[in-house]
N, C-alpha and C. Protein backbone atom coordinates (compact mmCIF):
# COMPACT_ATOMS: atom_id res chain seq x y z
N UNK A 1 107.84 122.32 54.21
CA UNK A 1 107.79 120.88 54.32
C UNK A 1 107.63 120.30 52.91
N UNK A 2 108.29 119.20 52.65
CA UNK A 2 108.23 118.57 51.32
C UNK A 2 106.96 117.75 51.16
N UNK A 3 106.62 117.45 49.92
CA UNK A 3 105.44 116.62 49.63
C UNK A 3 105.56 115.24 50.29
N UNK A 4 106.70 114.55 50.17
CA UNK A 4 106.80 113.24 50.83
C UNK A 4 106.58 113.32 52.35
N UNK A 5 107.06 114.38 52.98
CA UNK A 5 106.86 114.52 54.42
C UNK A 5 105.39 114.81 54.74
N UNK A 6 104.72 115.57 53.87
CA UNK A 6 103.28 115.78 54.05
C UNK A 6 102.51 114.47 53.89
N UNK A 7 102.92 113.65 52.93
CA UNK A 7 102.30 112.33 52.74
C UNK A 7 102.53 111.45 53.97
N UNK A 8 103.71 111.53 54.56
CA UNK A 8 104.01 110.77 55.78
C UNK A 8 103.12 111.25 56.92
N UNK A 9 102.95 112.55 57.02
CA UNK A 9 102.09 113.12 58.05
C UNK A 9 100.64 112.64 57.85
N UNK A 10 100.19 112.57 56.60
CA UNK A 10 98.85 112.07 56.31
C UNK A 10 98.72 110.60 56.73
N UNK A 11 99.76 109.82 56.50
CA UNK A 11 99.74 108.41 56.93
C UNK A 11 99.63 108.32 58.45
N UNK A 12 100.35 109.18 59.14
CA UNK A 12 100.28 109.20 60.60
C UNK A 12 98.88 109.58 61.07
N UNK A 13 98.28 110.58 60.43
CA UNK A 13 96.92 110.98 60.79
C UNK A 13 95.93 109.85 60.54
N UNK A 14 96.14 109.08 59.47
CA UNK A 14 95.21 107.98 59.19
C UNK A 14 95.30 106.91 60.28
N UNK A 15 96.50 106.65 60.77
CA UNK A 15 96.67 105.67 61.84
C UNK A 15 96.04 106.19 63.14
N UNK A 16 96.26 107.46 63.45
CA UNK A 16 95.67 108.04 64.66
C UNK A 16 94.14 108.03 64.58
N UNK A 17 93.61 108.38 63.43
CA UNK A 17 92.15 108.40 63.25
C UNK A 17 91.57 107.00 63.36
N UNK A 18 92.21 106.03 62.71
CA UNK A 18 91.75 104.65 62.81
C UNK A 18 91.74 104.18 64.26
N UNK A 19 92.80 104.48 64.98
CA UNK A 19 92.89 104.09 66.40
C UNK A 19 91.77 104.74 67.20
N UNK A 20 91.51 106.01 66.99
CA UNK A 20 90.45 106.72 67.70
C UNK A 20 89.08 106.11 67.40
N UNK A 21 88.81 105.83 66.14
CA UNK A 21 87.53 105.25 65.76
C UNK A 21 87.33 103.89 66.41
N UNK A 22 88.35 103.06 66.36
CA UNK A 22 88.25 101.72 66.95
C UNK A 22 88.08 101.81 68.46
N UNK A 23 88.84 102.70 69.11
CA UNK A 23 88.74 102.83 70.56
C UNK A 23 87.37 103.33 71.02
N UNK A 24 86.71 104.14 70.20
CA UNK A 24 85.45 104.76 70.59
C UNK A 24 84.21 103.94 70.22
N UNK A 25 84.39 102.82 69.53
CA UNK A 25 83.24 102.01 69.12
C UNK A 25 83.34 100.60 69.69
N UNK A 26 82.19 99.97 69.83
CA UNK A 26 82.14 98.63 70.39
C UNK A 26 82.17 97.57 69.30
N UNK A 27 83.15 97.67 68.44
CA UNK A 27 83.32 96.63 67.43
C UNK A 27 84.77 96.16 67.49
N UNK A 28 84.97 94.95 67.08
CA UNK A 28 86.31 94.39 66.99
C UNK A 28 86.64 94.24 65.52
N UNK A 29 87.70 94.82 65.10
CA UNK A 29 88.15 94.70 63.72
C UNK A 29 89.39 93.83 63.71
N UNK A 30 89.28 92.69 63.06
CA UNK A 30 90.36 91.71 63.09
C UNK A 30 91.53 92.07 62.18
N UNK A 31 91.23 92.79 61.10
CA UNK A 31 92.30 93.10 60.15
C UNK A 31 92.05 94.47 59.54
N UNK A 32 93.11 95.24 59.37
CA UNK A 32 93.00 96.60 58.85
C UNK A 32 94.01 96.76 57.71
N UNK A 33 93.61 97.52 56.71
CA UNK A 33 94.50 97.88 55.61
C UNK A 33 94.58 99.40 55.53
N UNK A 34 95.77 99.91 55.40
CA UNK A 34 95.97 101.33 55.14
C UNK A 34 96.47 101.47 53.71
N UNK A 35 96.02 102.51 53.03
CA UNK A 35 96.39 102.72 51.64
C UNK A 35 97.08 104.06 51.47
N UNK A 36 98.12 104.10 50.66
CA UNK A 36 98.79 105.34 50.32
C UNK A 36 99.20 105.30 48.86
N UNK A 37 99.24 106.47 48.23
CA UNK A 37 99.74 106.52 46.87
C UNK A 37 101.19 106.99 46.85
N UNK A 38 101.81 107.08 48.03
CA UNK A 38 103.19 107.54 48.13
C UNK A 38 104.15 106.35 48.29
N UNK A 39 104.93 106.12 47.26
CA UNK A 39 105.94 105.06 47.33
C UNK A 39 107.01 105.43 48.35
N UNK A 40 107.28 106.71 48.49
CA UNK A 40 108.29 107.16 49.46
C UNK A 40 107.87 106.80 50.88
N UNK A 41 106.61 107.02 51.21
CA UNK A 41 106.12 106.66 52.54
C UNK A 41 106.28 105.16 52.77
N UNK A 42 105.92 104.36 51.79
CA UNK A 42 106.07 102.91 51.93
C UNK A 42 107.53 102.52 52.12
N UNK A 43 108.44 103.18 51.40
CA UNK A 43 109.86 102.90 51.57
C UNK A 43 110.33 103.27 52.98
N UNK A 44 109.87 104.41 53.47
CA UNK A 44 110.23 104.80 54.84
C UNK A 44 109.70 103.79 55.85
N UNK A 45 108.47 103.32 55.66
CA UNK A 45 107.91 102.35 56.59
C UNK A 45 108.66 101.02 56.54
N UNK A 46 109.02 100.59 55.34
CA UNK A 46 109.77 99.34 55.20
C UNK A 46 111.21 99.47 55.70
N UNK A 47 111.72 100.69 55.75
CA UNK A 47 113.08 100.93 56.21
C UNK A 47 113.12 101.50 57.62
N UNK A 48 112.15 101.14 58.44
CA UNK A 48 112.05 101.69 59.79
C UNK A 48 113.29 101.40 60.63
N UNK A 49 113.99 100.32 60.33
CA UNK A 49 115.19 99.98 61.09
C UNK A 49 116.44 100.69 60.58
N UNK A 50 116.31 101.42 59.49
CA UNK A 50 117.46 102.14 58.92
C UNK A 50 117.50 103.57 59.48
N UNK A 51 118.66 104.19 59.38
CA UNK A 51 118.82 105.56 59.88
C UNK A 51 118.04 106.53 58.99
N UNK A 52 117.17 107.32 59.63
CA UNK A 52 116.36 108.32 58.93
C UNK A 52 116.45 109.62 59.72
N UNK A 53 116.14 110.74 59.05
CA UNK A 53 116.18 112.00 59.80
C UNK A 53 115.12 111.98 60.91
N UNK A 54 115.28 112.87 61.87
CA UNK A 54 114.45 112.84 63.08
C UNK A 54 112.96 112.95 62.77
N UNK A 55 112.57 113.86 61.90
CA UNK A 55 111.16 114.04 61.54
C UNK A 55 110.57 112.73 61.03
N UNK A 56 111.24 112.12 60.07
CA UNK A 56 110.76 110.87 59.46
C UNK A 56 110.79 109.74 60.48
N UNK A 57 111.88 109.59 61.21
CA UNK A 57 112.04 108.49 62.16
C UNK A 57 110.96 108.52 63.24
N UNK A 58 110.66 109.70 63.76
CA UNK A 58 109.64 109.80 64.82
C UNK A 58 108.26 109.41 64.31
N UNK A 59 107.92 109.86 63.12
CA UNK A 59 106.60 109.54 62.58
C UNK A 59 106.49 108.08 62.16
N UNK A 60 107.54 107.56 61.56
CA UNK A 60 107.55 106.14 61.17
C UNK A 60 107.41 105.26 62.41
N UNK A 61 108.11 105.61 63.49
CA UNK A 61 108.03 104.81 64.72
C UNK A 61 106.60 104.78 65.26
N UNK A 62 105.92 105.93 65.25
CA UNK A 62 104.55 105.97 65.74
C UNK A 62 103.60 105.20 64.82
N UNK A 63 103.80 105.33 63.53
CA UNK A 63 102.95 104.60 62.57
C UNK A 63 103.11 103.10 62.76
N UNK A 64 104.35 102.63 62.80
CA UNK A 64 104.64 101.20 62.88
C UNK A 64 104.14 100.61 64.20
N UNK A 65 104.14 101.41 65.25
CA UNK A 65 103.66 100.94 66.56
C UNK A 65 102.20 100.51 66.48
N UNK A 66 101.37 101.26 65.75
CA UNK A 66 99.94 100.96 65.68
C UNK A 66 99.49 100.33 64.36
N UNK A 67 100.32 100.41 63.34
CA UNK A 67 99.96 99.85 62.03
C UNK A 67 101.23 99.26 61.40
N UNK A 68 101.51 98.00 61.67
CA UNK A 68 102.71 97.38 61.12
C UNK A 68 102.76 97.44 59.60
N UNK A 69 103.93 97.25 59.06
CA UNK A 69 104.16 97.38 57.62
C UNK A 69 103.23 96.50 56.81
N UNK A 70 102.90 95.32 57.31
CA UNK A 70 102.04 94.41 56.52
C UNK A 70 100.60 94.92 56.39
N UNK A 71 100.24 96.00 57.09
CA UNK A 71 98.91 96.59 56.95
C UNK A 71 98.88 97.69 55.89
N UNK A 72 100.02 97.98 55.28
CA UNK A 72 100.10 99.09 54.31
C UNK A 72 100.12 98.58 52.89
N UNK A 73 99.36 99.23 52.01
CA UNK A 73 99.27 98.87 50.60
C UNK A 73 99.44 100.13 49.75
N UNK A 74 99.82 99.93 48.52
CA UNK A 74 99.98 101.04 47.58
C UNK A 74 98.78 101.10 46.64
N UNK A 75 98.28 102.31 46.42
CA UNK A 75 97.25 102.54 45.41
C UNK A 75 97.82 103.56 44.44
N UNK A 76 97.75 103.26 43.17
CA UNK A 76 98.26 104.18 42.16
C UNK A 76 97.47 105.48 42.20
N UNK A 77 98.15 106.58 41.99
CA UNK A 77 97.53 107.91 42.04
C UNK A 77 96.25 108.03 41.24
N UNK A 78 96.23 107.59 39.97
CA UNK A 78 94.99 107.71 39.18
C UNK A 78 93.83 106.89 39.73
N UNK A 79 94.12 105.86 40.52
CA UNK A 79 93.07 105.01 41.10
C UNK A 79 92.66 105.47 42.50
N UNK A 80 93.26 106.54 42.99
CA UNK A 80 93.01 106.99 44.34
C UNK A 80 91.85 107.98 44.37
N UNK A 81 90.68 107.57 44.88
CA UNK A 81 89.53 108.48 44.88
C UNK A 81 89.76 109.72 45.74
N UNK A 82 90.69 109.66 46.68
CA UNK A 82 90.97 110.83 47.52
C UNK A 82 91.63 111.95 46.74
N UNK A 83 92.24 111.64 45.60
CA UNK A 83 92.96 112.65 44.82
C UNK A 83 92.11 113.34 43.76
N UNK A 84 90.88 112.94 43.60
CA UNK A 84 90.09 113.48 42.50
C UNK A 84 89.89 114.98 42.61
N UNK A 85 89.85 115.51 43.83
CA UNK A 85 89.68 116.94 44.02
C UNK A 85 90.91 117.76 43.69
N UNK A 86 92.04 117.12 43.46
CA UNK A 86 93.29 117.83 43.18
C UNK A 86 93.64 117.83 41.70
N UNK A 87 92.72 117.39 40.86
CA UNK A 87 93.05 117.22 39.44
C UNK A 87 92.69 118.42 38.58
N UNK A 88 92.40 119.56 39.18
CA UNK A 88 92.21 120.80 38.45
C UNK A 88 91.04 120.84 37.49
N UNK A 89 89.84 120.61 37.97
CA UNK A 89 88.66 120.71 37.12
C UNK A 89 87.62 121.59 37.80
N UNK A 90 86.72 122.13 37.00
CA UNK A 90 85.66 122.98 37.56
C UNK A 90 84.65 122.12 38.30
N UNK A 91 83.87 122.77 39.15
CA UNK A 91 82.84 122.04 39.88
C UNK A 91 81.82 121.42 38.93
N UNK A 92 81.49 122.12 37.87
CA UNK A 92 80.51 121.60 36.91
C UNK A 92 81.05 120.32 36.26
N UNK A 93 82.31 120.35 35.85
CA UNK A 93 82.92 119.17 35.24
C UNK A 93 83.00 118.02 36.24
N UNK A 94 83.31 118.35 37.48
CA UNK A 94 83.40 117.33 38.52
C UNK A 94 82.05 116.69 38.77
N UNK A 95 80.99 117.50 38.84
CA UNK A 95 79.64 116.97 39.05
C UNK A 95 79.22 116.07 37.91
N UNK A 96 79.54 116.46 36.68
CA UNK A 96 79.16 115.65 35.51
C UNK A 96 79.94 114.35 35.45
N UNK A 97 81.21 114.41 35.83
CA UNK A 97 82.09 113.26 35.68
C UNK A 97 81.90 112.21 36.76
N UNK A 98 81.66 112.65 37.96
CA UNK A 98 81.77 111.74 39.10
C UNK A 98 80.42 111.28 39.61
N UNK A 99 80.29 109.98 39.70
CA UNK A 99 79.21 109.36 40.44
C UNK A 99 79.87 108.95 41.76
N UNK A 100 79.83 109.83 42.76
CA UNK A 100 80.60 109.64 43.98
C UNK A 100 80.35 108.29 44.62
N UNK A 101 79.10 107.94 44.79
CA UNK A 101 78.80 106.67 45.45
C UNK A 101 79.33 105.50 44.63
N UNK A 102 79.13 105.54 43.33
CA UNK A 102 79.61 104.46 42.48
C UNK A 102 81.12 104.38 42.44
N UNK A 103 81.78 105.54 42.38
CA UNK A 103 83.24 105.56 42.32
C UNK A 103 83.85 105.01 43.60
N UNK A 104 83.36 105.48 44.73
CA UNK A 104 83.90 105.03 46.00
C UNK A 104 83.60 103.56 46.20
N UNK A 105 82.39 103.15 45.84
CA UNK A 105 82.02 101.74 45.96
C UNK A 105 82.90 100.87 45.07
N UNK A 106 83.11 101.31 43.83
CA UNK A 106 83.94 100.55 42.90
C UNK A 106 85.38 100.47 43.38
N UNK A 107 85.92 101.60 43.85
CA UNK A 107 87.30 101.61 44.34
C UNK A 107 87.42 100.72 45.57
N UNK A 108 86.43 100.77 46.44
CA UNK A 108 86.45 99.93 47.64
C UNK A 108 86.42 98.46 47.28
N UNK A 109 85.58 98.11 46.30
CA UNK A 109 85.52 96.69 45.89
C UNK A 109 86.84 96.23 45.30
N UNK A 110 87.46 97.08 44.46
CA UNK A 110 88.75 96.71 43.87
C UNK A 110 89.81 96.50 44.94
N UNK A 111 89.86 97.41 45.90
CA UNK A 111 90.85 97.29 46.96
C UNK A 111 90.54 96.10 47.86
N UNK A 112 89.27 95.88 48.15
CA UNK A 112 88.88 94.82 49.06
C UNK A 112 89.07 93.44 48.46
N UNK A 113 89.09 93.35 47.13
CA UNK A 113 89.33 92.03 46.51
C UNK A 113 90.65 91.45 47.00
N UNK A 114 91.57 92.34 47.27
CA UNK A 114 92.89 91.88 47.72
C UNK A 114 92.86 91.44 49.17
N UNK A 115 91.90 91.96 49.94
CA UNK A 115 91.85 91.57 51.34
C UNK A 115 90.46 91.82 51.90
N UNK A 116 89.80 90.75 52.29
CA UNK A 116 88.49 90.87 52.92
C UNK A 116 88.70 91.29 54.37
N UNK A 117 87.74 91.99 54.92
CA UNK A 117 87.85 92.48 56.29
C UNK A 117 86.80 91.76 57.14
N UNK A 118 87.22 91.25 58.26
CA UNK A 118 86.30 90.57 59.17
C UNK A 118 85.97 91.54 60.30
N UNK A 119 84.69 91.86 60.43
CA UNK A 119 84.23 92.76 61.47
C UNK A 119 83.32 91.98 62.39
N UNK A 120 83.59 92.03 63.67
CA UNK A 120 82.79 91.32 64.65
C UNK A 120 82.13 92.33 65.56
N UNK A 121 80.81 92.23 65.70
CA UNK A 121 80.09 93.13 66.60
C UNK A 121 80.44 92.80 68.03
N UNK A 122 80.22 93.76 68.95
CA UNK A 122 80.66 93.67 70.33
C UNK A 122 80.30 92.40 71.07
N UNK A 123 79.09 91.87 70.94
CA UNK A 123 78.68 90.73 71.75
C UNK A 123 78.90 89.41 71.01
N UNK A 124 77.81 88.65 70.83
CA UNK A 124 77.92 87.32 70.25
C UNK A 124 77.84 87.31 68.73
N UNK A 125 77.16 88.29 68.16
CA UNK A 125 76.91 88.23 66.72
C UNK A 125 78.15 88.62 65.93
N UNK A 126 78.32 88.01 64.80
CA UNK A 126 79.46 88.30 63.93
C UNK A 126 78.95 88.57 62.53
N UNK A 127 79.54 89.55 61.90
CA UNK A 127 79.20 89.88 60.52
C UNK A 127 80.48 89.83 59.70
N UNK A 128 80.39 89.25 58.54
CA UNK A 128 81.54 89.23 57.65
C UNK A 128 81.31 90.22 56.53
N UNK A 129 82.18 91.21 56.46
CA UNK A 129 82.12 92.18 55.38
C UNK A 129 83.07 91.68 54.30
N UNK A 130 82.59 90.87 53.42
CA UNK A 130 83.43 90.24 52.41
C UNK A 130 83.11 90.86 51.07
N UNK A 131 83.96 91.78 50.61
CA UNK A 131 83.73 92.48 49.36
C UNK A 131 84.42 91.78 48.18
N UNK A 132 85.05 90.67 48.44
CA UNK A 132 85.83 90.01 47.39
C UNK A 132 84.96 89.35 46.34
N UNK A 133 83.68 89.25 46.55
CA UNK A 133 82.81 88.58 45.60
C UNK A 133 82.39 89.48 44.49
């Protein structure tokens, strides 16, 4: 399997996982953003109406069904905290370099500046998770 197809499979897993989490919890999430560092995946999603091979077409159809194209954003590879483990460094260097909580928090704030997420608890109370500030 090629790297772009593996990236597409990862996008599909993210949509399935998001759906499972939302279905299993008593919260309403009004808006969702999915992030990928694969431009190819984004092109496939934007070209869902074009002819694609069966593997790609089937996965794109399932992704688009639960996560429309407007929910997808691009994150550059160097800014993607999920890729830090693939950059070929020793555990000692990784421990010294990374403040995991700070890095994830910083990356989340940068991404969230582009789109605040409104989360409403199950009953009457509402909480706004606004990271744009």
